[in-house]
Amino acid sequence: YFFSAVRALMRLLDAPNTPSPSLRYEI
C-alpha cells in the first residue's frame, strides 16, 4: 500500500499541466 501510494504520487508529479499535490508520505 505504501509504495503504491508513493508511485501514484510520483505519476501525479510527473504529469504535465497538473498542479503539484502537497501531500507527501512517511513510513
mmCIF file of all heavy atoms, coordinates in Angstrom:
data_MODEL
# 
_entry.id   MODEL 
# 
loop_
_atom_site.group_PDB 
_atom_site.id 
_atom_site.type_symbol 
_atom_site.label_atom_id 
_atom_site.label_alt_id 
_atom_site.label_comp_id 
_atom_site.label_asym_id 
_atom_site.label_entity_id 
_atom_site.label_seq_id 
_atom_site.pdbx_PDB_ins_code 
_atom_site.Cartn_x 
_atom_site.Cartn_y 
_atom_site.Cartn_z 
_atom_site.occupancy 
_atom_site.B_iso_or_equiv 
_atom_site.pdbx_formal_charge 
_atom_site.auth_seq_id 
_atom_site.auth_comp_id 
_atom_site.auth_asym_id 
_atom_site.auth_atom_id 
_atom_site.pdbx_PDB_model_num 
ATOM 1   N N   . TYR A 1 1  ? 0.828  -1.213 0.000   1.00 0.00 ? 1  TYR A N   1 
ATOM 2   C CA  . TYR A 1 1  ? 0.000  0.000  0.000   1.00 0.00 ? 1  TYR A CA  1 
ATOM 3   C C   . TYR A 1 1  ? 0.858  1.257  0.000   1.00 0.00 ? 1  TYR A C   1 
ATOM 4   O O   . TYR A 1 1  ? 0.578  2.215  -0.721  1.00 0.00 ? 1  TYR A O   1 
ATOM 5   C CB  . TYR A 1 1  ? -0.913 0.039  1.232   1.00 0.00 ? 1  TYR A CB  1 
ATOM 6   C CG  . TYR A 1 1  ? -2.012 -0.979 1.247   1.00 0.00 ? 1  TYR A CG  1 
ATOM 7   C CD1 . TYR A 1 1  ? -2.407 -1.580 2.438   1.00 0.00 ? 1  TYR A CD1 1 
ATOM 8   C CD2 . TYR A 1 1  ? -2.689 -1.341 0.083   1.00 0.00 ? 1  TYR A CD2 1 
ATOM 9   C CE1 . TYR A 1 1  ? -3.438 -2.501 2.472   1.00 0.00 ? 1  TYR A CE1 1 
ATOM 10  C CE2 . TYR A 1 1  ? -3.714 -2.269 0.111   1.00 0.00 ? 1  TYR A CE2 1 
ATOM 11  C CZ  . TYR A 1 1  ? -4.084 -2.849 1.306   1.00 0.00 ? 1  TYR A CZ  1 
ATOM 12  O OH  . TYR A 1 1  ? -5.097 -3.759 1.347   1.00 0.00 ? 1  TYR A OH  1 
ATOM 13  N N   . PHE A 1 2  ? 1.906  1.270  0.815   1.00 0.00 ? 2  PHE A N   1 
ATOM 14  C CA  . PHE A 1 2  ? 2.770  2.437  0.906   1.00 0.00 ? 2  PHE A CA  1 
ATOM 15  C C   . PHE A 1 2  ? 3.421  2.745  -0.443  1.00 0.00 ? 2  PHE A C   1 
ATOM 16  O O   . PHE A 1 2  ? 3.346  3.865  -0.942  1.00 0.00 ? 2  PHE A O   1 
ATOM 17  C CB  . PHE A 1 2  ? 3.851  2.220  1.976   1.00 0.00 ? 2  PHE A CB  1 
ATOM 18  C CG  . PHE A 1 2  ? 4.887  3.299  2.010   1.00 0.00 ? 2  PHE A CG  1 
ATOM 19  C CD1 . PHE A 1 2  ? 4.590  4.554  2.511   1.00 0.00 ? 2  PHE A CD1 1 
ATOM 20  C CD2 . PHE A 1 2  ? 6.171  3.070  1.539   1.00 0.00 ? 2  PHE A CD2 1 
ATOM 21  C CE1 . PHE A 1 2  ? 5.539  5.563  2.541   1.00 0.00 ? 2  PHE A CE1 1 
ATOM 22  C CE2 . PHE A 1 2  ? 7.126  4.058  1.565   1.00 0.00 ? 2  PHE A CE2 1 
ATOM 23  C CZ  . PHE A 1 2  ? 6.814  5.309  2.070   1.00 0.00 ? 2  PHE A CZ  1 
ATOM 24  N N   . PHE A 1 3  ? 4.048  1.753  -1.049  1.00 0.00 ? 3  PHE A N   1 
ATOM 25  C CA  . PHE A 1 3  ? 4.736  2.008  -2.310  1.00 0.00 ? 3  PHE A CA  1 
ATOM 26  C C   . PHE A 1 3  ? 3.768  2.243  -3.456  1.00 0.00 ? 3  PHE A C   1 
ATOM 27  O O   . PHE A 1 3  ? 4.080  2.963  -4.398  1.00 0.00 ? 3  PHE A O   1 
ATOM 28  C CB  . PHE A 1 3  ? 5.738  0.896  -2.614  1.00 0.00 ? 3  PHE A CB  1 
ATOM 29  C CG  . PHE A 1 3  ? 6.970  1.018  -1.774  1.00 0.00 ? 3  PHE A CG  1 
ATOM 30  C CD1 . PHE A 1 3  ? 7.233  0.119  -0.763  1.00 0.00 ? 3  PHE A CD1 1 
ATOM 31  C CD2 . PHE A 1 3  ? 7.846  2.079  -1.959  1.00 0.00 ? 3  PHE A CD2 1 
ATOM 32  C CE1 . PHE A 1 3  ? 8.358  0.256  0.031   1.00 0.00 ? 3  PHE A CE1 1 
ATOM 33  C CE2 . PHE A 1 3  ? 8.977  2.228  -1.174  1.00 0.00 ? 3  PHE A CE2 1 
ATOM 34  C CZ  . PHE A 1 3  ? 9.233  1.310  -0.177  1.00 0.00 ? 3  PHE A CZ  1 
ATOM 35  N N   . SER A 1 4  ? 2.594  1.690  -3.386  1.00 0.00 ? 4  SER A N   1 
ATOM 36  C CA  . SER A 1 4  ? 1.567  2.002  -4.386  1.00 0.00 ? 4  SER A CA  1 
ATOM 37  C C   . SER A 1 4  ? 1.170  3.472  -4.287  1.00 0.00 ? 4  SER A C   1 
ATOM 38  O O   . SER A 1 4  ? 1.028  4.159  -5.300  1.00 0.00 ? 4  SER A O   1 
ATOM 39  C CB  . SER A 1 4  ? 0.356  1.095  -4.175  1.00 0.00 ? 4  SER A CB  1 
ATOM 40  O OG  . SER A 1 4  ? -0.667 1.426  -5.069  1.00 0.00 ? 4  SER A OG  1 
ATOM 41  N N   . ALA A 1 5  ? 0.991  3.966  -3.066  1.00 0.00 ? 5  ALA A N   1 
ATOM 42  C CA  . ALA A 1 5  ? 0.646  5.378  -2.867  1.00 0.00 ? 5  ALA A CA  1 
ATOM 43  C C   . ALA A 1 5  ? 1.775  6.286  -3.326  1.00 0.00 ? 5  ALA A C   1 
ATOM 44  O O   . ALA A 1 5  ? 1.541  7.315  -3.972  1.00 0.00 ? 5  ALA A O   1 
ATOM 45  C CB  . ALA A 1 5  ? 0.318  5.627  -1.399  1.00 0.00 ? 5  ALA A CB  1 
ATOM 46  N N   . VAL A 1 6  ? 3.013  5.905  -3.025  1.00 0.00 ? 6  VAL A N   1 
ATOM 47  C CA  . VAL A 1 6  ? 4.165  6.703  -3.445  1.00 0.00 ? 6  VAL A CA  1 
ATOM 48  C C   . VAL A 1 6  ? 4.253  6.745  -4.965  1.00 0.00 ? 6  VAL A C   1 
ATOM 49  O O   . VAL A 1 6  ? 4.476  7.808  -5.559  1.00 0.00 ? 6  VAL A O   1 
ATOM 50  C CB  . VAL A 1 6  ? 5.471  6.162  -2.822  1.00 0.00 ? 6  VAL A CB  1 
ATOM 51  C CG1 . VAL A 1 6  ? 6.695  6.797  -3.464  1.00 0.00 ? 6  VAL A CG1 1 
ATOM 52  C CG2 . VAL A 1 6  ? 5.464  6.389  -1.320  1.00 0.00 ? 6  VAL A CG2 1 
ATOM 53  N N   . ARG A 1 7  ? 4.061  5.614  -5.614  1.00 0.00 ? 7  ARG A N   1 
ATOM 54  C CA  . ARG A 1 7  ? 4.110  5.593  -7.088  1.00 0.00 ? 7  ARG A CA  1 
ATOM 55  C C   . ARG A 1 7  ? 2.977  6.413  -7.703  1.00 0.00 ? 7  ARG A C   1 
ATOM 56  O O   . ARG A 1 7  ? 3.168  7.087  -8.711  1.00 0.00 ? 7  ARG A O   1 
ATOM 57  C CB  . ARG A 1 7  ? 4.073  4.162  -7.596  1.00 0.00 ? 7  ARG A CB  1 
ATOM 58  C CG  . ARG A 1 7  ? 5.411  3.485  -7.447  1.00 0.00 ? 7  ARG A CG  1 
ATOM 59  C CD  . ARG A 1 7  ? 5.449  2.181  -8.177  1.00 0.00 ? 7  ARG A CD  1 
ATOM 60  N NE  . ARG A 1 7  ? 6.813  1.677  -8.178  1.00 0.00 ? 7  ARG A NE  1 
ATOM 61  C CZ  . ARG A 1 7  ? 7.114  0.413  -8.266  1.00 0.00 ? 7  ARG A CZ  1 
ATOM 62  N NH1 . ARG A 1 7  ? 6.151  -0.495 -8.349  1.00 0.00 ? 7  ARG A NH1 1 
ATOM 63  N NH2 . ARG A 1 7  ? 8.365  0.023  -8.272  1.00 0.00 ? 7  ARG A NH2 1 
ATOM 64  N N   . ALA A 1 8  ? 1.805  6.364  -7.106  1.00 0.00 ? 8  ALA A N   1 
ATOM 65  C CA  . ALA A 1 8  ? 0.695  7.189  -7.613  1.00 0.00 ? 8  ALA A CA  1 
ATOM 66  C C   . ALA A 1 8  ? 1.047  8.673  -7.479  1.00 0.00 ? 8  ALA A C   1 
ATOM 67  O O   . ALA A 1 8  ? 0.773  9.461  -8.392  1.00 0.00 ? 8  ALA A O   1 
ATOM 68  C CB  . ALA A 1 8  ? -0.589 6.871  -6.857  1.00 0.00 ? 8  ALA A CB  1 
ATOM 69  N N   . LEU A 1 9  ? 1.659  9.047  -6.379  1.00 0.00 ? 9  LEU A N   1 
ATOM 70  C CA  . LEU A 1 9  ? 2.097  10.436 -6.204  1.00 0.00 ? 9  LEU A CA  1 
ATOM 71  C C   . LEU A 1 9  ? 3.162  10.802 -7.233  1.00 0.00 ? 9  LEU A C   1 
ATOM 72  O O   . LEU A 1 9  ? 3.125  11.893 -7.809  1.00 0.00 ? 9  LEU A O   1 
ATOM 73  C CB  . LEU A 1 9  ? 2.634  10.648 -4.787  1.00 0.00 ? 9  LEU A CB  1 
ATOM 74  C CG  . LEU A 1 9  ? 3.204  12.033 -4.481  1.00 0.00 ? 9  LEU A CG  1 
ATOM 75  C CD1 . LEU A 1 9  ? 2.152  13.119 -4.688  1.00 0.00 ? 9  LEU A CD1 1 
ATOM 76  C CD2 . LEU A 1 9  ? 3.763  12.072 -3.070  1.00 0.00 ? 9  LEU A CD2 1 
ATOM 77  N N   . MET A 1 10 ? 4.077  9.901  -7.494  1.00 0.00 ? 10 MET A N   1 
ATOM 78  C CA  . MET A 1 10 ? 5.126  10.156 -8.490  1.00 0.00 ? 10 MET A CA  1 
ATOM 79  C C   . MET A 1 10 ? 4.515  10.372 -9.873  1.00 0.00 ? 10 MET A C   1 
ATOM 80  O O   . MET A 1 10 ? 4.958  11.255 -10.625 1.00 0.00 ? 10 MET A O   1 
ATOM 81  C CB  . MET A 1 10 ? 6.129  8.999  -8.516  1.00 0.00 ? 10 MET A CB  1 
ATOM 82  C CG  . MET A 1 10 ? 6.968  8.922  -7.259  1.00 0.00 ? 10 MET A CG  1 
ATOM 83  S SD  . MET A 1 10 ? 7.965  7.413  -7.134  1.00 0.00 ? 10 MET A SD  1 
ATOM 84  C CE  . MET A 1 10 ? 9.151  7.677  -8.440  1.00 0.00 ? 10 MET A CE  1 
ATOM 85  N N   . ARG A 1 11 ? 3.490  9.603  -10.218 1.00 0.00 ? 11 ARG A N   1 
ATOM 86  C CA  . ARG A 1 11 ? 2.821  9.785  -11.519 1.00 0.00 ? 11 ARG A CA  1 
ATOM 87  C C   . ARG A 1 11 ? 2.146  11.157 -11.584 1.00 0.00 ? 11 ARG A C   1 
ATOM 88  O O   . ARG A 1 11 ? 2.187  11.827 -12.605 1.00 0.00 ? 11 ARG A O   1 
ATOM 89  C CB  . ARG A 1 11 ? 1.807  8.669  -11.757 1.00 0.00 ? 11 ARG A CB  1 
ATOM 90  C CG  . ARG A 1 11 ? 2.446  7.355  -12.158 1.00 0.00 ? 11 ARG A CG  1 
ATOM 91  C CD  . ARG A 1 11 ? 1.421  6.340  -12.650 1.00 0.00 ? 11 ARG A CD  1 
ATOM 92  N NE  . ARG A 1 11 ? 0.428  5.989  -11.646 1.00 0.00 ? 11 ARG A NE  1 
ATOM 93  C CZ  . ARG A 1 11 ? 0.586  5.037  -10.733 1.00 0.00 ? 11 ARG A CZ  1 
ATOM 94  N NH1 . ARG A 1 11 ? 1.690  4.342  -10.687 1.00 0.00 ? 11 ARG A NH1 1 
ATOM 95  N NH2 . ARG A 1 11 ? -0.371 4.779  -9.866  1.00 0.00 ? 11 ARG A NH2 1 
ATOM 96  N N   . LEU A 1 12 ? 1.529  11.568 -10.472 1.00 0.00 ? 12 LEU A N   1 
ATOM 97  C CA  . LEU A 1 12 ? 0.905  12.899 -10.438 1.00 0.00 ? 12 LEU A CA  1 
ATOM 98  C C   . LEU A 1 12 ? 1.939  13.997 -10.601 1.00 0.00 ? 12 LEU A C   1 
ATOM 99  O O   . LEU A 1 12 ? 1.710  14.987 -11.305 1.00 0.00 ? 12 LEU A O   1 
ATOM 100 C CB  . LEU A 1 12 ? 0.166  13.101 -9.113  1.00 0.00 ? 12 LEU A CB  1 
ATOM 101 C CG  . LEU A 1 12 ? -1.239 12.565 -9.014  1.00 0.00 ? 12 LEU A CG  1 
ATOM 102 C CD1 . LEU A 1 12 ? -1.758 12.744 -7.585  1.00 0.00 ? 12 LEU A CD1 1 
ATOM 103 C CD2 . LEU A 1 12 ? -2.155 13.259 -9.989  1.00 0.00 ? 12 LEU A CD2 1 
ATOM 104 N N   . LEU A 1 13 ? 3.067  13.843 -9.941  1.00 0.00 ? 13 LEU A N   1 
ATOM 105 C CA  . LEU A 1 13 ? 4.118  14.858 -10.025 1.00 0.00 ? 13 LEU A CA  1 
ATOM 106 C C   . LEU A 1 13 ? 4.735  14.931 -11.410 1.00 0.00 ? 13 LEU A C   1 
ATOM 107 O O   . LEU A 1 13 ? 5.194  15.992 -11.830 1.00 0.00 ? 13 LEU A O   1 
ATOM 108 C CB  . LEU A 1 13 ? 5.205  14.582 -8.980  1.00 0.00 ? 13 LEU A CB  1 
ATOM 109 C CG  . LEU A 1 13 ? 4.781  14.747 -7.522  1.00 0.00 ? 13 LEU A CG  1 
ATOM 110 C CD1 . LEU A 1 13 ? 5.861  14.222 -6.593  1.00 0.00 ? 13 LEU A CD1 1 
ATOM 111 C CD2 . LEU A 1 13 ? 4.450  16.199 -7.224  1.00 0.00 ? 13 LEU A CD2 1 
ATOM 112 N N   . ASP A 1 14 ? 4.749  13.803 -12.138 1.00 0.00 ? 14 ASP A N   1 
ATOM 113 C CA  . ASP A 1 14 ? 5.325  13.770 -13.483 1.00 0.00 ? 14 ASP A CA  1 
ATOM 114 C C   . ASP A 1 14 ? 4.339  14.184 -14.568 1.00 0.00 ? 14 ASP A C   1 
ATOM 115 O O   . ASP A 1 14 ? 4.744  14.451 -15.700 1.00 0.00 ? 14 ASP A O   1 
ATOM 116 C CB  . ASP A 1 14 ? 5.843  12.368 -13.808 1.00 0.00 ? 14 ASP A CB  1 
ATOM 117 C CG  . ASP A 1 14 ? 7.095  12.029 -13.019 1.00 0.00 ? 14 ASP A CG  1 
ATOM 118 O OD1 . ASP A 1 14 ? 7.758  12.963 -12.516 1.00 0.00 ? 14 ASP A OD1 1 
ATOM 119 O OD2 . ASP A 1 14 ? 7.417  10.824 -12.901 1.00 0.00 ? 14 ASP A OD2 1 
ATOM 120 N N   . ALA A 1 15 ? 3.059  14.229 -14.240 1.00 0.00 ? 15 ALA A N   1 
ATOM 121 C CA  . ALA A 1 15 ? 2.040  14.550 -15.241 1.00 0.00 ? 15 ALA A CA  1 
ATOM 122 C C   . ALA A 1 15 ? 2.135  16.028 -15.634 1.00 0.00 ? 15 ALA A C   1 
ATOM 123 O O   . ALA A 1 15 ? 2.199  16.905 -14.771 1.00 0.00 ? 15 ALA A O   1 
ATOM 124 C CB  . ALA A 1 15 ? 0.656  14.242 -14.706 1.00 0.00 ? 15 ALA A CB  1 
ATOM 125 N N   . PRO A 1 16 ? 2.144  16.303 -16.930 1.00 0.00 ? 16 PRO A N   1 
ATOM 126 C CA  . PRO A 1 16 ? 2.189  17.704 -17.369 1.00 0.00 ? 16 PRO A CA  1 
ATOM 127 C C   . PRO A 1 16 ? 0.865  18.414 -17.072 1.00 0.00 ? 16 PRO A C   1 
ATOM 128 O O   . PRO A 1 16 ? -0.200 17.803 -17.058 1.00 0.00 ? 16 PRO A O   1 
ATOM 129 C CB  . PRO A 1 16 ? 2.436  17.598 -18.873 1.00 0.00 ? 16 PRO A CB  1 
ATOM 130 C CG  . PRO A 1 16 ? 1.956  16.245 -19.253 1.00 0.00 ? 16 PRO A CG  1 
ATOM 131 C CD  . PRO A 1 16 ? 2.108  15.374 -18.040 1.00 0.00 ? 16 PRO A CD  1 
ATOM 132 N N   . ASN A 1 17 ? 0.963  19.686 -16.832 1.00 0.00 ? 17 ASN A N   1 
ATOM 133 C CA  . ASN A 1 17 ? -0.210 20.541 -16.589 1.00 0.00 ? 17 ASN A CA  1 
ATOM 134 C C   . ASN A 1 17 ? -1.055 20.097 -15.401 1.00 0.00 ? 17 ASN A C   1 
ATOM 135 O O   . ASN A 1 17 ? -2.259 20.322 -15.382 1.00 0.00 ? 17 ASN A O   1 
ATOM 136 C CB  . ASN A 1 17 ? -1.090 20.616 -17.841 1.00 0.00 ? 17 ASN A CB  1 
ATOM 137 C CG  . ASN A 1 17 ? -0.320 21.140 -19.029 1.00 0.00 ? 17 ASN A CG  1 
ATOM 138 O OD1 . ASN A 1 17 ? 0.503  22.037 -18.882 1.00 0.00 ? 17 ASN A OD1 1 
ATOM 139 N ND2 . ASN A 1 17 ? -0.564 20.573 -20.196 1.00 0.00 ? 17 ASN A ND2 1 
ATOM 140 N N   . THR A 1 18 ? -0.426 19.437 -14.441 1.00 0.00 ? 18 THR A N   1 
ATOM 141 C CA  . THR A 1 18 ? -1.129 19.018 -13.235 1.00 0.00 ? 18 THR A CA  1 
ATOM 142 C C   . THR A 1 18 ? -0.524 19.772 -12.056 1.00 0.00 ? 18 THR A C   1 
ATOM 143 O O   . THR A 1 18 ? 0.694  19.779 -11.897 1.00 0.00 ? 18 THR A O   1 
ATOM 144 C CB  . THR A 1 18 ? -0.968 17.501 -13.006 1.00 0.00 ? 18 THR A CB  1 
ATOM 145 O OG1 . THR A 1 18 ? -1.440 16.805 -14.152 1.00 0.00 ? 18 THR A OG1 1 
ATOM 146 C CG2 . THR A 1 18 ? -1.734 17.041 -11.788 1.00 0.00 ? 18 THR A CG2 1 
ATOM 147 N N   . PRO A 1 19 ? -1.369 20.417 -11.266 1.00 0.00 ? 19 PRO A N   1 
ATOM 148 C CA  . PRO A 1 19 ? -0.799 21.116 -10.101 1.00 0.00 ? 19 PRO A CA  1 
ATOM 149 C C   . PRO A 1 19 ? -0.122 20.122 -9.161  1.00 0.00 ? 19 PRO A C   1 
ATOM 150 O O   . PRO A 1 19 ? -0.612 19.014 -8.964  1.00 0.00 ? 19 PRO A O   1 
ATOM 151 C CB  . PRO A 1 19 ? -1.995 21.783 -9.439  1.00 0.00 ? 19 PRO A CB  1 
ATOM 152 C CG  . PRO A 1 19 ? -3.206 21.214 -10.077 1.00 0.00 ? 19 PRO A CG  1 
ATOM 153 C CD  . PRO A 1 19 ? -2.809 20.530 -11.344 1.00 0.00 ? 19 PRO A CD  1 
ATOM 154 N N   . SER A 1 20 ? 0.983  20.515 -8.597  1.00 0.00 ? 20 SER A N   1 
ATOM 155 C CA  . SER A 1 20 ? 1.743  19.646 -7.707  1.00 0.00 ? 20 SER A CA  1 
ATOM 156 C C   . SER A 1 20 ? 0.990  19.449 -6.392  1.00 0.00 ? 20 SER A C   1 
ATOM 157 O O   . SER A 1 20 ? 0.705  20.417 -5.688  1.00 0.00 ? 20 SER A O   1 
ATOM 158 C CB  . SER A 1 20 ? 3.112  20.262 -7.430  1.00 0.00 ? 20 SER A CB  1 
ATOM 159 O OG  . SER A 1 20 ? 3.842  19.431 -6.591  1.00 0.00 ? 20 SER A OG  1 
ATOM 160 N N   . PRO A 1 21 ? 0.654  18.208 -6.062  1.00 0.00 ? 21 PRO A N   1 
ATOM 161 C CA  . PRO A 1 21 ? -0.032 17.972 -4.789  1.00 0.00 ? 21 PRO A CA  1 
ATOM 162 C C   . PRO A 1 21 ? 0.903  18.238 -3.620  1.00 0.00 ? 21 PRO A C   1 
ATOM 163 O O   . PRO A 1 21 ? 2.112  18.027 -3.708  1.00 0.00 ? 21 PRO A O   1 
ATOM 164 C CB  . PRO A 1 21 ? -0.429 16.498 -4.865  1.00 0.00 ? 21 PRO A CB  1 
ATOM 165 C CG  . PRO A 1 21 ? 0.460  15.893 -5.888  1.00 0.00 ? 21 PRO A CG  1 
ATOM 166 C CD  . PRO A 1 21 ? 0.891  16.985 -6.808  1.00 0.00 ? 21 PRO A CD  1 
ATOM 167 N N   . SER A 1 22 ? 0.355  18.707 -2.530  1.00 0.00 ? 22 SER A N   1 
ATOM 168 C CA  . SER A 1 22 ? 1.180  18.999 -1.355  1.00 0.00 ? 22 SER A CA  1 
ATOM 169 C C   . SER A 1 22 ? 1.326  17.779 -0.446  1.00 0.00 ? 22 SER A C   1 
ATOM 170 O O   . SER A 1 22 ? 2.144  17.782 0.455   1.00 0.00 ? 22 SER A O   1 
ATOM 171 C CB  . SER A 1 22 ? 0.577  20.162 -0.567  1.00 0.00 ? 22 SER A CB  1 
ATOM 172 O OG  . SER A 1 22 ? -0.741 19.863 -0.186  1.00 0.00 ? 22 SER A OG  1 
ATOM 173 N N   . LEU A 1 23 ? 0.557  16.749 -0.683  1.00 0.00 ? 23 LEU A N   1 
ATOM 174 C CA  . LEU A 1 23 ? 0.590  15.537 0.126   1.00 0.00 ? 23 LEU A CA  1 
ATOM 175 C C   . LEU A 1 23 ? 1.909  14.796 -0.069  1.00 0.00 ? 23 LEU A C   1 
ATOM 176 O O   . LEU A 1 23 ? 2.397  14.659 -1.191  1.00 0.00 ? 23 LEU A O   1 
ATOM 177 C CB  . LEU A 1 23 ? -0.575 14.618 -0.263  1.00 0.00 ? 23 LEU A CB  1 
ATOM 178 C CG  . LEU A 1 23 ? -0.707 13.315 0.500   1.00 0.00 ? 23 LEU A CG  1 
ATOM 179 C CD1 . LEU A 1 23 ? -1.056 13.602 1.955   1.00 0.00 ? 23 LEU A CD1 1 
ATOM 180 C CD2 . LEU A 1 23 ? -1.754 12.436 -0.136  1.00 0.00 ? 23 LEU A CD2 1 
ATOM 181 N N   . ARG A 1 24 ? 2.485  14.333 1.026   1.00 0.00 ? 24 ARG A N   1 
ATOM 182 C CA  . ARG A 1 24 ? 3.698  13.518 0.993   1.00 0.00 ? 24 ARG A CA  1 
ATOM 183 C C   . ARG A 1 24 ? 3.494  12.325 1.917   1.00 0.00 ? 24 ARG A C   1 
ATOM 184 O O   . ARG A 1 24 ? 2.533  12.256 2.667   1.00 0.00 ? 24 ARG A O   1 
ATOM 185 C CB  . ARG A 1 24 ? 4.916  14.329 1.441   1.00 0.00 ? 24 ARG A CB  1 
ATOM 186 C CG  . ARG A 1 24 ? 5.290  15.458 0.485   1.00 0.00 ? 24 ARG A CG  1 
ATOM 187 C CD  . ARG A 1 24 ? 5.741  14.907 -0.869  1.00 0.00 ? 24 ARG A CD  1 
ATOM 188 N NE  . ARG A 1 24 ? 6.173  15.951 -1.782  1.00 0.00 ? 24 ARG A NE  1 
ATOM 189 C CZ  . ARG A 1 24 ? 5.422  16.467 -2.733  1.00 0.00 ? 24 ARG A CZ  1 
ATOM 190 N NH1 . ARG A 1 24 ? 4.169  16.074 -2.887  1.00 0.00 ? 24 ARG A NH1 1 
ATOM 191 N NH2 . ARG A 1 24 ? 5.892  17.380 -3.553  1.00 0.00 ? 24 ARG A NH2 1 
ATOM 192 N N   . TYR A 1 25 ? 4.433  11.381 1.862   1.00 0.00 ? 25 TYR A N   1 
ATOM 193 C CA  . TYR A 1 25 ? 4.294  10.142 2.628   1.00 0.00 ? 25 TYR A CA  1 
ATOM 194 C C   . TYR A 1 25 ? 5.481  9.909  3.547   1.00 0.00 ? 25 TYR A C   1 
ATOM 195 O O   . TYR A 1 25 ? 6.596  10.355 3.273   1.00 0.00 ? 25 TYR A O   1 
ATOM 196 C CB  . TYR A 1 25 ? 4.148  8.946  1.676   1.00 0.00 ? 25 TYR A CB  1 
ATOM 197 C CG  . TYR A 1 25 ? 2.835  8.969  0.951   1.00 0.00 ? 25 TYR A CG  1 
ATOM 198 C CD1 . TYR A 1 25 ? 2.741  9.472  -0.334  1.00 0.00 ? 25 TYR A CD1 1 
ATOM 199 C CD2 . TYR A 1 25 ? 1.679  8.517  1.564   1.00 0.00 ? 25 TYR A CD2 1 
ATOM 200 C CE1 . TYR A 1 25 ? 1.521  9.516  -0.993  1.00 0.00 ? 25 TYR A CE1 1 
ATOM 201 C CE2 . TYR A 1 25 ? 0.464  8.555  0.918   1.00 0.00 ? 25 TYR A CE2 1 
ATOM 202 C CZ  . TYR A 1 25 ? 0.390  9.055  -0.355  1.00 0.00 ? 25 TYR A CZ  1 
ATOM 203 O OH  . TYR A 1 25 ? -0.814 9.101  -1.004  1.00 0.00 ? 25 TYR A OH  1 
ATOM 204 N N   . GLU A 1 26 ? 5.202  9.180  4.632   1.00 0.00 ? 26 GLU A N   1 
ATOM 205 C CA  . GLU A 1 26 ? 6.246  8.746  5.537   1.00 0.00 ? 26 GLU A CA  1 
ATOM 206 C C   . GLU A 1 26 ? 5.905  7.346  6.021   1.00 0.00 ? 26 GLU A C   1 
ATOM 207 O O   . GLU A 1 26 ? 4.743  6.950  6.041   1.00 0.00 ? 26 GLU A O   1 
ATOM 208 C CB  . GLU A 1 26 ? 6.425  9.704  6.717   1.00 0.00 ? 26 GLU A CB  1 
ATOM 209 C CG  . GLU A 1 26 ? 5.209  9.894  7.591   1.00 0.00 ? 26 GLU A CG  1 
ATOM 210 C CD  . GLU A 1 26 ? 5.386  11.026 8.597   1.00 0.00 ? 26 GLU A CD  1 
ATOM 211 O OE1 . GLU A 1 26 ? 6.243  11.906 8.395   1.00 0.00 ? 26 GLU A OE1 1 
ATOM 212 O OE2 . GLU A 1 26 ? 4.643  11.017 9.597   1.00 0.00 ? 26 GLU A OE2 1 
ATOM 213 N N   . ILE A 1 27 ? 6.959  6.612  6.369   1.00 0.00 ? 27 ILE A N   1 
ATOM 214 C CA  . ILE A 1 27 ? 6.781  5.249  6.854   1.00 0.00 ? 27 ILE A CA  1 
ATOM 215 C C   . ILE A 1 27 ? 7.751  5.006  8.001   1.00 0.00 ? 27 ILE A C   1 
ATOM 216 O O   . ILE A 1 27 ? 8.868  5.524  8.003   1.00 0.00 ? 27 ILE A O   1 
ATOM 217 C CB  . ILE A 1 27 ? 6.982  4.200  5.730   1.00 0.00 ? 27 ILE A CB  1 
ATOM 218 C CG1 . ILE A 1 27 ? 6.578  2.800  6.203   1.00 0.00 ? 27 ILE A CG1 1 
ATOM 219 C CG2 . ILE A 1 27 ? 8.387  4.231  5.174   1.00 0.00 ? 27 ILE A CG2 1 
ATOM 220 C CD1 . ILE A 1 27 ? 6.465  1.775  5.086   1.00 0.00 ? 27 ILE A CD1 1 
# 
